[in-house]
Amino acid sequence: MSLAHDTAVWFSKSYGLFYLIGLSVAVLVYTYWPSNKQHFDKAADSILRDEDRPWR
C-alpha cells in the first residue's frame, strides 16, 4: 500500500471518530440542557396520561 492510501485511511478513521464523538456530545448537551427539561418531561408524561383511558 502506498503512503497516500495509508494517510487517507488514517484521516478517514480519525475524522469519523471525532465526528461521532462530537455528535454524541451535541446530543448529550441538547438532552441535559435545562430549558429542554420541561419538553422531555411533558413527552414522558403524555404516554402515561392516555394509559388509564378506556379503548374506543
N, C-alpha and C. Protein backbone atom coordinates (compact mmCIF):
# COMPACT_ATOMS: atom_id res chain seq x y z
N MET A 1 0.83 -1.18 0.00
CA MET A 1 0.00 0.00 0.00
C MET A 1 0.88 1.25 0.00
N SER A 2 0.37 2.26 -0.63
CA SER A 2 1.16 3.48 -0.72
C SER A 2 0.94 4.36 0.50
N LEU A 3 1.82 5.33 0.64
CA LEU A 3 1.73 6.27 1.75
C LEU A 3 0.46 7.12 1.64
N ALA A 4 0.06 7.47 0.43
CA ALA A 4 -1.15 8.27 0.23
C ALA A 4 -2.39 7.50 0.69
N HIS A 5 -2.44 6.21 0.40
CA HIS A 5 -3.57 5.39 0.82
C HIS A 5 -3.62 5.27 2.33
N ASP A 6 -2.48 5.00 2.94
CA ASP A 6 -2.42 4.90 4.41
C ASP A 6 -2.83 6.21 5.07
N THR A 7 -2.41 7.32 4.50
CA THR A 7 -2.76 8.63 5.04
C THR A 7 -4.26 8.88 4.89
N ALA A 8 -4.84 8.52 3.76
CA ALA A 8 -6.27 8.70 3.54
C ALA A 8 -7.09 7.83 4.49
N VAL A 9 -6.64 6.60 4.71
CA VAL A 9 -7.34 5.70 5.64
C VAL A 9 -7.25 6.25 7.06
N TRP A 10 -6.07 6.70 7.47
CA TRP A 10 -5.90 7.27 8.81
C TRP A 10 -6.77 8.50 8.99
N PHE A 11 -6.80 9.37 7.99
CA PHE A 11 -7.60 10.59 8.09
C PHE A 11 -9.09 10.25 8.17
N SER A 12 -9.56 9.32 7.36
CA SER A 12 -10.98 8.99 7.37
C SER A 12 -11.39 8.33 8.69
N LYS A 13 -10.55 7.49 9.25
CA LYS A 13 -10.86 6.88 10.54
C LYS A 13 -10.86 7.92 11.65
N SER A 14 -9.90 8.82 11.64
CA SER A 14 -9.83 9.87 12.66
C SER A 14 -11.00 10.82 12.53
N TYR A 15 -11.32 11.23 11.31
CA TYR A 15 -12.44 12.13 11.09
C TYR A 15 -13.75 11.50 11.54
N GLY A 16 -13.94 10.24 11.23
CA GLY A 16 -15.15 9.55 11.64
C GLY A 16 -15.26 9.43 13.15
N LEU A 17 -14.15 9.16 13.81
CA LEU A 17 -14.14 9.06 15.26
C LEU A 17 -14.49 10.40 15.89
N PHE A 18 -13.83 11.46 15.45
CA PHE A 18 -14.10 12.78 16.02
C PHE A 18 -15.50 13.27 15.67
N TYR A 19 -16.00 12.91 14.50
CA TYR A 19 -17.36 13.27 14.11
C TYR A 19 -18.37 12.61 15.04
N LEU A 20 -18.21 11.32 15.31
CA LEU A 20 -19.14 10.61 16.19
C LEU A 20 -19.04 11.07 17.63
N ILE A 21 -17.84 11.39 18.09
CA ILE A 21 -17.68 11.92 19.45
C ILE A 21 -18.36 13.28 19.54
N GLY A 22 -18.16 14.13 18.55
CA GLY A 22 -18.81 15.45 18.55
C GLY A 22 -20.32 15.35 18.49
N LEU A 23 -20.82 14.44 17.69
CA LEU A 23 -22.26 14.24 17.59
C LEU A 23 -22.83 13.73 18.91
N SER A 24 -22.13 12.83 19.56
CA SER A 24 -22.58 12.32 20.86
C SER A 24 -22.60 13.42 21.92
N VAL A 25 -21.59 14.26 21.92
CA VAL A 25 -21.54 15.38 22.87
C VAL A 25 -22.69 16.35 22.60
N ALA A 26 -22.97 16.62 21.33
CA ALA A 26 -24.07 17.53 20.98
C ALA A 26 -25.41 16.97 21.44
N VAL A 27 -25.63 15.67 21.28
CA VAL A 27 -26.88 15.05 21.72
C VAL A 27 -26.99 15.11 23.24
N LEU A 28 -25.93 14.84 23.95
CA LEU A 28 -25.96 14.89 25.41
C LEU A 28 -26.20 16.31 25.91
N VAL A 29 -25.57 17.29 25.29
CA VAL A 29 -25.79 18.68 25.69
C VAL A 29 -27.23 19.07 25.44
N TYR A 30 -27.78 18.70 24.29
CA TYR A 30 -29.18 19.01 23.99
C TYR A 30 -30.12 18.34 24.98
N THR A 31 -29.84 17.09 25.32
CA THR A 31 -30.71 16.34 26.21
C THR A 31 -30.70 16.91 27.62
N TYR A 32 -29.55 17.27 28.13
CA TYR A 32 -29.45 17.73 29.51
C TYR A 32 -29.47 19.24 29.65
N TRP A 33 -29.75 19.98 28.59
CA TRP A 33 -29.86 21.44 28.68
C TRP A 33 -31.07 21.78 29.54
N PRO A 34 -30.93 22.68 30.51
CA PRO A 34 -32.03 22.94 31.46
C PRO A 34 -33.35 23.37 30.81
N SER A 35 -33.31 24.12 29.73
CA SER A 35 -34.56 24.59 29.13
C SER A 35 -35.32 23.47 28.41
N ASN A 36 -34.68 22.35 28.12
CA ASN A 36 -35.35 21.22 27.46
C ASN A 36 -36.01 20.26 28.44
N LYS A 37 -35.77 20.44 29.74
CA LYS A 37 -36.31 19.51 30.74
C LYS A 37 -37.83 19.47 30.69
N GLN A 38 -38.46 20.62 30.59
CA GLN A 38 -39.92 20.66 30.57
C GLN A 38 -40.47 19.94 29.34
N HIS A 39 -39.83 20.10 28.22
CA HIS A 39 -40.28 19.44 26.99
C HIS A 39 -40.19 17.92 27.12
N PHE A 40 -39.09 17.41 27.65
CA PHE A 40 -38.92 15.97 27.79
C PHE A 40 -39.84 15.40 28.87
N ASP A 41 -40.06 16.15 29.95
CA ASP A 41 -40.98 15.69 30.99
C ASP A 41 -42.41 15.61 30.46
N LYS A 42 -42.80 16.58 29.65
CA LYS A 42 -44.14 16.57 29.06
C LYS A 42 -44.29 15.37 28.12
N ALA A 43 -43.27 15.08 27.33
CA ALA A 43 -43.32 13.94 26.42
C ALA A 43 -43.40 12.62 27.19
N ALA A 44 -42.69 12.52 28.30
CA ALA A 44 -42.73 11.30 29.10
C ALA A 44 -44.09 11.12 29.77
N ASP A 45 -44.68 12.21 30.23
CA ASP A 45 -45.99 12.12 30.89
C ASP A 45 -47.12 11.89 29.91
N SER A 46 -47.00 12.34 28.69
CA SER A 46 -48.09 12.21 27.73
C SER A 46 -48.35 10.75 27.38
N ILE A 47 -47.35 9.92 27.43
CA ILE A 47 -47.53 8.50 27.16
C ILE A 47 -48.33 7.85 28.29
N LEU A 48 -48.02 8.21 29.52
CA LEU A 48 -48.69 7.61 30.67
C LEU A 48 -50.09 8.18 30.87
N ARG A 49 -50.34 9.38 30.41
CA ARG A 49 -51.63 10.03 30.62
C ARG A 49 -52.75 9.28 29.91
N ASP A 50 -52.49 8.71 28.76
CA ASP A 50 -53.52 8.01 27.98
C ASP A 50 -53.68 6.55 28.38
N GLU A 51 -52.89 6.09 29.30
CA GLU A 51 -52.89 4.67 29.62
C GLU A 51 -54.14 4.21 30.37
N ASP A 52 -54.74 5.05 31.20
CA ASP A 52 -55.88 4.64 32.00
C ASP A 52 -57.21 4.84 31.30
N ARG A 53 -57.23 5.43 30.14
CA ARG A 53 -58.47 5.69 29.43
C ARG A 53 -58.98 4.40 28.76
N PRO A 54 -60.29 4.24 28.70
CA PRO A 54 -60.82 3.03 28.03
C PRO A 54 -60.58 3.09 26.53
N TRP A 55 -60.47 1.94 25.94
CA TRP A 55 -60.26 1.86 24.50
C TRP A 55 -61.57 2.12 23.80
N ARG A 56 -61.56 2.86 22.70
CA ARG A 56 -62.78 3.14 21.93
C ARG A 56 -62.92 2.21 20.78
